[in-house]
Amino acid sequence: MTPLERRASASLASIFALRMLGLFLVLPVFALEAARYPGGDDPARIGLAMGIYGLTQGFLQIPFGIASDWWGRKRVIIAGLLMFALGSFVAAWAPDLNWLIVGRSLQGAGAISAAVTALLADSTRDVVRTKAMALVGGSIALMFALSLVVAPLLVGYIGLHGIFALTGSLALAGIAVIAWWVPPEPLVHANQPRGNVREVLKNAALLRLNFGVFVLHAVQLAMWMAIPALLVGAGLDKTLHWQVYLPAVLASLVVMGMTLFPLEKRGYLRAVFLGAVGLVFLVQLGLLWAASHTASPVYGLGLLGTLLFLFFCGFNVLEASQPSLVSRVAPAHARGAALGVYNTLQSLGFFAGGAIGGWIVKAHGAEGLFVVCGGLMLLWLLVAWPMKAPGRHALPAVSGGDPLAGQPVKL
């Protein structure tokens, strides 16, 4: 990477990290703490308060992505962070569950993922794009693992209100990063065409990637409807589950760095991508076996820890390579729109994984859940099989101009 590419990658990864840390800190403690609010005796409303973030974000990813194509990435990112901060402070103030739902919906309205990813794609060459996206994916994985450790401790000191206030403060810190650390936006021709959803939806390669990200995140969230119970069944108290998650995440990031980047450089990106999909499929079979043989002497923390490590190896490779592929397949003028559709399907995958995964566990148990997850991964493997890795262009991104202007500049 060039110094400018390193700066763009690190600064934009930090935007994701600051935003996702605030979100992840809520997840391990939300259900218990929200029950203490007036109106918190209704599990369905607590579920709505938790899930409405993903719903509003899913609806607004495409508009935010298209807006970034038209009016500039930085302007849209700053507007989204301000909306996210507003929602966080409303949730911090919320006197009852109704206002908490309002705050969570406003948080989701700050749907900046597509714009941030598009700016990162604009600022990096194809030859280093996957590495840049991996920094973003790695920062998200680390924030998830960190939140599992910190959240139960933090809520005892500042409560859920305080965690939401901290989340809003982290979003405001993200605005400072955009203003003073992120490099200037690349210049574009004043008469360059702008992206639209119709153009994106006609591209078969993008449709395959969009289907894939939906399946990946539906499976990811659905798995966690059963994995905590499996860990408890293996003898690990729920307060100590991070002792399995954290080593699995960290070790998988090392493996990703040692495999994905060298193999992509040698032209094996398609093989690595399909291999990662296949690996997650095999993990589902392993989890199905574990859920069906809880009395077996092989069942235990060693088996579950190994399966989770393998899952994160495959997941992190896919999380890094998919947005990189989207940004390379999509026309440069439509990256925001393409990544908007991509992130919308990601959000809908989260929603489907939680809603349908919970129903499957209730109706058919953990075994039924892993059968469905395995079937989805196998279907994805078949859909993705015709893919072709796009060519890589070594020309550097053109940069310059006012970093906050966001207006097209004629070269």
Protein backbone atom coordinates (compact mmCIF):
# COMPACT_ATOMS: atom_id res chain seq x y z
CA MET A 1 0.00 0.00 0.00
CA THR A 2 1.05 3.57 -0.61
CA PRO A 3 1.12 5.93 2.40
CA LEU A 4 -2.16 7.49 1.21
CA GLU A 5 -3.79 4.07 0.93
CA ARG A 6 -2.60 3.11 4.41
CA ARG A 7 -4.00 6.35 5.79
CA ALA A 8 -7.34 5.86 4.04
CA SER A 9 -7.60 2.23 5.16
CA ALA A 10 -6.69 2.91 8.79
CA SER A 11 -8.89 5.99 9.14
CA LEU A 12 -11.98 4.45 7.52
CA ALA A 13 -11.50 1.22 9.47
CA SER A 14 -11.50 3.35 12.61
CA ILE A 15 -14.86 4.86 11.54
CA PHE A 16 -16.33 1.36 11.40
CA ALA A 17 -14.62 0.44 14.68
CA LEU A 18 -15.95 3.46 16.59
CA ARG A 19 -19.47 2.94 15.29
CA MET A 20 -19.58 -0.84 15.67
CA LEU A 21 -18.07 -0.82 19.16
CA GLY A 22 -20.98 1.32 20.33
CA LEU A 23 -23.46 -1.05 18.71
CA PHE A 24 -21.80 -4.25 19.92
CA LEU A 25 -21.53 -2.99 23.52
CA VAL A 26 -25.32 -3.01 23.65
CA LEU A 27 -25.87 -6.53 22.31
CA PRO A 28 -24.78 -8.71 25.26
CA VAL A 29 -26.75 -6.67 27.85
CA PHE A 30 -29.69 -5.16 25.96
CA ALA A 31 -32.36 -7.79 26.63
CA LEU A 32 -31.76 -7.85 30.38
CA GLU A 33 -31.38 -4.09 30.84
CA ALA A 34 -34.31 -3.11 28.58
CA ALA A 35 -36.62 -5.26 30.72
CA ARG A 36 -36.15 -2.71 33.54
CA TYR A 37 -37.69 0.13 31.52
CA PRO A 38 -41.38 1.02 31.83
CA GLY A 39 -43.03 -1.23 29.25
CA GLY A 40 -40.11 -3.66 29.35
CA ASP A 41 -42.28 -6.55 30.53
CA ASP A 42 -43.21 -7.32 26.91
CA PRO A 43 -40.53 -9.53 25.22
CA ALA A 44 -41.95 -8.71 21.78
CA ARG A 45 -41.40 -4.98 22.28
CA ILE A 46 -37.89 -5.62 23.58
CA GLY A 47 -37.26 -7.63 20.42
CA LEU A 48 -38.62 -4.72 18.36
CA ALA A 49 -36.32 -2.30 20.16
CA MET A 50 -33.37 -4.56 19.39
CA GLY A 51 -34.23 -5.32 15.78
CA ILE A 52 -35.60 -2.01 14.51
CA TYR A 53 -32.04 -0.71 14.11
CA GLY A 54 -31.36 -3.28 11.40
CA LEU A 55 -34.71 -2.66 9.75
CA THR A 56 -34.27 1.11 9.32
CA GLN A 57 -30.66 0.63 8.29
CA GLY A 58 -31.69 -1.89 5.67
CA PHE A 59 -34.22 0.53 4.15
CA LEU A 60 -31.74 3.43 4.01
CA GLN A 61 -28.51 1.79 2.82
CA ILE A 62 -29.44 2.18 -0.85
CA PRO A 63 -30.51 5.86 -0.59
CA PHE A 64 -27.33 6.69 1.35
CA GLY A 65 -25.19 4.82 -1.19
CA ILE A 66 -26.79 6.59 -4.15
CA ALA A 67 -26.52 9.94 -2.36
CA SER A 68 -22.79 9.36 -1.92
CA ASP A 69 -22.47 8.85 -5.69
CA TRP A 70 -24.23 12.17 -6.33
CA TRP A 71 -23.13 14.48 -3.51
CA GLY A 72 -19.86 13.05 -2.26
CA ARG A 73 -18.91 10.34 0.22
CA LYS A 74 -17.77 12.53 3.11
CA ARG A 75 -20.87 14.68 3.24
CA VAL A 76 -23.10 11.62 3.39
CA ILE A 77 -20.92 9.91 6.02
CA ILE A 78 -20.95 12.97 8.27
CA ALA A 79 -24.74 13.29 7.91
CA GLY A 80 -25.15 9.61 8.78
CA LEU A 81 -22.89 9.85 11.83
CA LEU A 82 -24.85 12.87 13.07
CA MET A 83 -28.09 10.89 12.72
CA PHE A 84 -26.53 7.91 14.50
CA ALA A 85 -25.30 10.14 17.33
CA LEU A 86 -28.74 11.74 17.65
CA GLY A 87 -30.35 8.32 17.95
CA SER A 88 -27.78 7.27 20.54
CA PHE A 89 -28.45 10.31 22.72
CA VAL A 90 -32.22 9.83 22.40
CA ALA A 91 -31.76 6.23 23.54
CA ALA A 92 -29.54 7.40 26.40
CA TRP A 93 -32.25 9.84 27.54
CA ALA A 94 -35.17 7.45 26.91
CA PRO A 95 -37.47 7.28 29.98
CA ASP A 96 -39.37 4.24 28.69
CA LEU A 97 -39.26 1.51 26.08
CA ASN A 98 -41.17 3.55 23.48
CA TRP A 99 -38.50 6.23 23.40
CA LEU A 100 -35.82 3.54 23.38
CA ILE A 101 -37.41 2.17 20.20
CA VAL A 102 -37.34 5.68 18.69
CA GLY A 103 -33.66 6.06 19.56
CA ARG A 104 -32.75 2.69 18.06
CA SER A 105 -34.62 3.49 14.83
CA LEU A 106 -32.75 6.81 14.53
CA GLN A 107 -29.47 4.97 15.08
CA GLY A 108 -30.31 2.71 12.16
CA ALA A 109 -31.18 5.73 10.01
CA GLY A 110 -27.48 6.66 10.01
CA ALA A 111 -26.77 4.01 7.36
CA ILE A 112 -23.23 4.92 6.31
CA SER A 113 -21.72 1.49 5.61
CA ALA A 114 -22.13 1.77 1.83
CA ALA A 115 -20.69 5.29 1.68
CA VAL A 116 -17.68 4.40 3.86
CA THR A 117 -16.94 1.27 1.87
CA ALA A 118 -17.32 3.16 -1.41
CA LEU A 119 -14.90 5.85 -0.22
CA LEU A 120 -12.40 3.17 0.75
CA ALA A 121 -12.78 1.60 -2.71
CA ASP A 122 -12.30 5.02 -4.35
CA SER A 123 -9.11 5.58 -2.36
CA THR A 124 -7.35 2.26 -3.02
CA ARG A 125 -6.10 0.37 -6.06
CA ASP A 126 -7.56 -2.99 -7.03
CA VAL A 127 -4.31 -4.75 -6.16
CA VAL A 128 -4.63 -3.79 -2.47
CA ARG A 129 -8.43 -3.47 -2.22
CA THR A 130 -9.00 -6.78 -0.44
CA LYS A 131 -6.32 -5.96 2.11
CA ALA A 132 -7.99 -2.60 2.78
CA MET A 133 -11.41 -4.26 3.19
CA ALA A 134 -9.82 -6.85 5.49
CA LEU A 135 -8.68 -4.05 7.80
CA VAL A 136 -12.30 -2.96 8.05
CA GLY A 137 -13.51 -6.51 8.62
CA GLY A 138 -10.79 -7.13 11.17
CA SER A 139 -11.67 -3.97 13.08
CA ILE A 140 -15.32 -5.07 13.24
CA ALA A 141 -14.37 -8.56 14.44
CA LEU A 142 -12.11 -7.12 17.13
CA MET A 143 -14.83 -4.74 18.32
CA PHE A 144 -17.26 -7.65 18.55
CA ALA A 145 -14.84 -9.70 20.62
CA LEU A 146 -13.96 -6.70 22.80
CA SER A 147 -17.62 -5.92 23.45
CA LEU A 148 -18.23 -9.44 24.77
CA VAL A 149 -15.58 -8.81 27.42
CA VAL A 150 -16.26 -5.15 28.24
CA ALA A 151 -20.06 -4.81 28.04
CA PRO A 152 -20.99 -6.83 31.15
CA LEU A 153 -18.44 -4.84 33.17
CA LEU A 154 -19.36 -1.46 31.70
CA VAL A 155 -23.10 -1.80 32.26
CA GLY A 156 -22.47 -2.28 35.99
CA TYR A 157 -20.81 1.15 36.16
CA ILE A 158 -22.80 3.35 33.78
CA GLY A 159 -25.87 1.28 32.92
CA LEU A 160 -27.56 1.01 29.53
CA HIS A 161 -28.20 4.78 29.47
CA GLY A 162 -24.48 5.37 29.84
CA ILE A 163 -23.57 2.88 27.12
CA PHE A 164 -25.86 4.69 24.67
CA ALA A 165 -24.31 8.04 25.65
CA LEU A 166 -20.86 6.53 25.06
CA THR A 167 -22.07 5.26 21.67
CA GLY A 168 -23.14 8.78 20.67
CA SER A 169 -19.78 10.19 21.76
CA LEU A 170 -17.94 7.58 19.67
CA ALA A 171 -20.03 8.63 16.64
CA LEU A 172 -19.02 12.27 17.15
CA ALA A 173 -15.40 11.15 17.38
CA GLY A 174 -15.95 9.48 14.00
CA ILE A 175 -16.92 12.85 12.50
CA ALA A 176 -13.61 14.27 13.70
CA VAL A 177 -11.80 11.37 12.02
CA ILE A 178 -13.63 12.08 8.73
CA ALA A 179 -12.80 15.79 8.90
CA TRP A 180 -9.13 15.60 9.88
CA TRP A 181 -7.71 12.14 9.20
CA VAL A 182 -9.45 10.60 6.20
CA PRO A 183 -7.65 11.66 2.98
CA PRO A 184 -9.38 13.92 0.45
CA GLU A 185 -11.97 12.32 -1.77
CA PRO A 186 -10.72 11.30 -5.23
CA LEU A 187 -11.60 13.76 -7.96
CA VAL A 188 -14.20 12.76 -10.56
CA HIS A 189 -15.27 14.24 -13.86
CA ALA A 190 -18.04 16.79 -13.56
CA ASN A 191 -20.02 15.10 -16.36
CA GLN A 192 -19.43 11.53 -15.15
CA PRO A 193 -22.65 9.44 -14.96
CA ARG A 194 -24.04 8.67 -11.49
CA GLY A 195 -25.02 5.29 -10.14
CA ASN A 196 -28.55 3.91 -10.07
CA VAL A 197 -30.08 0.75 -8.62
CA ARG A 198 -31.39 -0.48 -11.98
CA GLU A 199 -27.87 -0.69 -13.36
CA VAL A 200 -26.70 -2.62 -10.30
CA LEU A 201 -29.58 -5.13 -10.40
CA LYS A 202 -28.80 -6.07 -14.01
CA ASN A 203 -25.32 -7.30 -13.11
CA ALA A 204 -25.28 -11.08 -12.54
CA ALA A 205 -21.94 -11.03 -10.69
CA LEU A 206 -23.25 -8.42 -8.24
CA LEU A 207 -26.47 -10.42 -7.74
CA ARG A 208 -24.40 -13.47 -6.76
CA LEU A 209 -22.44 -11.41 -4.24
CA ASN A 210 -25.62 -9.86 -2.85
CA PHE A 211 -27.17 -13.29 -2.39
CA GLY A 212 -23.99 -14.42 -0.69
CA VAL A 213 -23.85 -11.62 1.85
CA PHE A 214 -27.51 -12.22 2.74
CA VAL A 215 -26.83 -15.91 3.39
CA LEU A 216 -23.58 -15.29 5.27
CA HIS A 217 -25.07 -12.89 7.79
CA ALA A 218 -28.33 -14.80 8.14
CA VAL A 219 -26.31 -17.90 9.01
CA GLN A 220 -23.98 -15.91 11.30
CA LEU A 221 -26.80 -14.52 13.40
CA ALA A 222 -28.88 -17.70 13.34
CA MET A 223 -25.94 -19.74 14.66
CA TRP A 224 -25.87 -17.65 17.83
CA MET A 225 -29.41 -18.75 18.60
CA ALA A 226 -27.92 -22.14 19.48
CA ILE A 227 -24.17 -21.80 20.10
CA PRO A 228 -24.44 -20.20 23.59
CA ALA A 229 -26.58 -23.15 24.76
CA LEU A 230 -24.03 -25.60 23.30
CA LEU A 231 -21.23 -23.87 25.21
CA VAL A 232 -23.25 -23.97 28.43
CA GLY A 233 -23.94 -27.65 27.77
CA ALA A 234 -20.19 -28.19 27.43
CA GLY A 235 -19.71 -26.77 30.93
CA LEU A 236 -18.78 -23.13 30.26
CA ASP A 237 -20.71 -20.50 32.22
CA LYS A 238 -22.38 -17.88 30.00
CA THR A 239 -20.30 -15.09 31.55
CA LEU A 240 -17.14 -16.81 30.30
CA HIS A 241 -18.09 -17.46 26.68
CA TRP A 242 -15.71 -14.71 25.57
CA GLN A 243 -12.88 -17.06 26.54
CA VAL A 244 -13.83 -19.14 23.50
CA TYR A 245 -14.90 -16.32 21.16
CA LEU A 246 -11.90 -14.03 21.62
CA PRO A 247 -9.11 -16.58 20.89
CA ALA A 248 -11.12 -17.94 17.93
CA VAL A 249 -11.50 -14.45 16.42
CA LEU A 250 -7.89 -13.40 16.95
CA ALA A 251 -6.40 -16.65 15.65
CA SER A 252 -8.67 -16.57 12.58
CA LEU A 253 -7.49 -13.06 11.71
CA VAL A 254 -3.89 -14.31 11.73
CA VAL A 255 -4.83 -17.22 9.47
CA MET A 256 -6.66 -14.87 7.10
CA GLY A 257 -3.61 -12.62 6.80
CA MET A 258 -1.39 -15.63 6.06
CA THR A 259 -3.68 -17.13 3.41
CA LEU A 260 -6.03 -14.67 1.71
CA PHE A 261 -3.59 -11.94 0.68
CA PRO A 262 -0.73 -14.17 -0.63
CA LEU A 263 -3.15 -16.44 -2.51
CA GLU A 264 -5.05 -13.51 -4.01
CA LYS A 265 -1.77 -12.03 -5.19
CA ARG A 266 -1.02 -15.30 -6.97
CA GLY A 267 -4.39 -15.33 -8.72
CA TYR A 268 -6.27 -17.79 -6.51
CA LEU A 269 -8.99 -15.44 -5.22
CA ARG A 270 -11.84 -17.51 -6.71
CA ALA A 271 -10.49 -20.71 -5.13
CA VAL A 272 -10.05 -19.03 -1.74
CA PHE A 273 -13.53 -17.51 -1.90
CA LEU A 274 -15.26 -20.78 -2.78
CA GLY A 275 -13.11 -22.63 -0.25
CA ALA A 276 -14.25 -20.24 2.49
CA VAL A 277 -17.90 -20.82 1.56
CA GLY A 278 -17.28 -24.56 1.66
CA LEU A 279 -15.51 -24.27 5.02
CA VAL A 280 -18.48 -22.50 6.62
CA PHE A 281 -20.72 -25.23 5.16
CA LEU A 282 -18.56 -27.92 6.79
CA VAL A 283 -18.69 -26.04 10.10
CA GLN A 284 -22.49 -26.26 9.98
CA LEU A 285 -22.20 -30.03 9.56
CA GLY A 286 -19.80 -30.16 12.51
CA LEU A 287 -22.17 -28.13 14.68
CA LEU A 288 -25.04 -30.40 13.60
CA TRP A 289 -23.02 -33.41 14.75
CA ALA A 290 -22.17 -31.69 18.05
CA ALA A 291 -25.80 -30.74 18.70
CA SER A 292 -26.87 -34.32 17.98
CA HIS A 293 -24.19 -35.97 20.15
CA THR A 294 -24.06 -33.94 23.34
CA ALA A 295 -23.55 -37.16 25.30
CA SER A 296 -20.54 -38.18 23.20
CA PRO A 297 -17.10 -38.05 24.90
CA VAL A 298 -15.85 -36.06 21.89
CA TYR A 299 -18.39 -33.28 22.55
CA GLY A 300 -16.89 -30.50 24.61
CA LEU A 301 -15.22 -27.12 24.56
CA GLY A 302 -12.35 -28.38 22.42
CA LEU A 303 -14.67 -29.41 19.60
CA LEU A 304 -16.82 -26.28 19.81
CA GLY A 305 -13.79 -24.00 20.03
CA THR A 306 -12.26 -25.63 16.94
CA LEU A 307 -15.50 -25.29 14.99
CA LEU A 308 -15.84 -21.63 15.94
CA PHE A 309 -12.21 -20.99 14.95
CA LEU A 310 -12.88 -22.58 11.54
CA PHE A 311 -16.09 -20.59 11.18
CA PHE A 312 -14.32 -17.28 11.83
CA CYS A 313 -11.54 -18.28 9.38
CA GLY A 314 -14.11 -18.68 6.61
CA PHE A 315 -16.25 -15.76 7.74
CA ASN A 316 -13.37 -13.27 7.88
CA VAL A 317 -12.13 -14.26 4.41
CA LEU A 318 -15.62 -13.73 3.00
CA GLU A 319 -16.17 -10.53 4.97
CA ALA A 320 -12.97 -9.09 3.51
CA SER A 321 -13.26 -10.35 -0.06
CA GLN A 322 -16.97 -9.76 -0.79
CA PRO A 323 -17.07 -5.94 -0.52
CA SER A 324 -13.76 -5.82 -2.37
CA LEU A 325 -15.28 -7.86 -5.19
CA VAL A 326 -18.41 -5.67 -5.25
CA SER A 327 -16.30 -2.52 -5.56
CA ARG A 328 -14.28 -4.05 -8.41
CA VAL A 329 -17.20 -5.55 -10.33
CA ALA A 330 -19.39 -2.43 -10.09
CA PRO A 331 -18.70 0.52 -12.43
CA ALA A 332 -16.77 3.21 -10.58
CA HIS A 333 -19.61 5.72 -10.96
CA ALA A 334 -22.07 3.26 -9.37
CA ARG A 335 -20.02 1.98 -6.43
CA GLY A 336 -22.18 3.76 -3.89
CA ALA A 337 -25.36 2.30 -5.34
CA ALA A 338 -23.83 -1.19 -5.64
CA LEU A 339 -22.55 -1.15 -2.07
CA GLY A 340 -25.88 0.28 -0.91
CA VAL A 341 -27.69 -2.75 -2.33
CA TYR A 342 -24.98 -5.03 -0.90
CA ASN A 343 -25.29 -3.55 2.60
CA THR A 344 -29.09 -3.66 2.40
CA LEU A 345 -28.94 -7.41 1.77
CA GLN A 346 -26.47 -7.69 4.64
CA SER A 347 -28.89 -5.95 7.01
CA LEU A 348 -31.81 -8.06 5.79
CA GLY A 349 -29.67 -11.14 6.38
CA PHE A 350 -29.18 -10.11 10.01
CA PHE A 351 -32.93 -9.57 10.37
CA ALA A 352 -33.81 -12.92 8.75
CA GLY A 353 -31.19 -14.82 10.72
CA GLY A 354 -32.49 -13.55 14.04
CA ALA A 355 -36.20 -13.85 13.28
CA ILE A 356 -36.19 -17.16 11.41
CA GLY A 357 -33.34 -18.67 13.41
CA GLY A 358 -35.21 -18.19 16.67
CA TRP A 359 -38.34 -19.78 15.20
CA ILE A 360 -36.38 -22.79 13.87
CA VAL A 361 -34.73 -23.42 17.25
CA LYS A 362 -38.10 -23.22 18.98
CA ALA A 363 -39.79 -25.57 16.50
CA HIS A 364 -36.99 -27.99 15.55
CA GLY A 365 -34.15 -27.48 18.02
CA ALA A 366 -30.48 -26.76 17.34
CA GLU A 367 -30.21 -29.72 14.97
CA GLY A 368 -32.90 -28.27 12.71
CA LEU A 369 -31.18 -24.89 12.78
CA PHE A 370 -27.84 -26.26 11.61
CA VAL A 371 -29.54 -28.33 8.90
CA VAL A 372 -31.09 -25.14 7.50
CA CYS A 373 -27.83 -23.18 7.84
CA GLY A 374 -25.91 -25.96 6.11
CA GLY A 375 -28.48 -26.05 3.31
CA LEU A 376 -28.18 -22.29 2.81
CA MET A 377 -24.38 -22.48 2.64
CA LEU A 378 -24.54 -25.33 0.11
CA LEU A 379 -27.00 -23.33 -2.01
CA TRP A 380 -24.64 -20.33 -1.87
CA LEU A 381 -21.75 -22.53 -2.98
CA LEU A 382 -23.75 -23.61 -6.02
CA VAL A 383 -24.81 -20.03 -6.83
CA ALA A 384 -21.26 -18.70 -6.43
CA TRP A 385 -19.57 -21.47 -8.43
CA PRO A 386 -19.78 -19.69 -11.85
CA MET A 387 -18.04 -16.60 -10.45
CA LYS A 388 -14.92 -15.20 -12.06
CA ALA A 389 -12.43 -13.09 -10.15
CA PRO A 390 -12.31 -9.61 -11.75
CA GLY A 391 -9.09 -8.31 -13.18
CA ARG A 392 -6.97 -6.03 -11.04
CA HIS A 393 -5.83 -2.58 -12.12
CA ALA A 394 -2.61 -1.29 -10.62
CA LEU A 395 -3.25 2.38 -11.35
CA PRO A 396 -3.47 4.41 -8.13
CA ALA A 397 -6.58 6.31 -7.20
CA VAL A 398 -6.47 9.98 -8.18
CA SER A 399 -6.80 12.21 -5.14
CA GLY A 400 -6.94 15.85 -4.37
CA GLY A 401 -9.26 18.78 -3.83
CA ASP A 402 -11.13 19.96 -0.80
CA PRO A 403 -11.55 16.95 1.57
CA LEU A 404 -14.99 18.09 2.67
CA ALA A 405 -16.32 19.55 -0.54
CA GLY A 406 -17.77 16.33 -1.90
CA GLN A 407 -18.56 18.06 -5.19
CA PRO A 408 -17.57 16.65 -8.58
CA VAL A 409 -14.47 18.37 -9.89
CA LYS A 410 -13.55 18.35 -13.56
CA LEU A 411 -10.10 16.98 -14.18
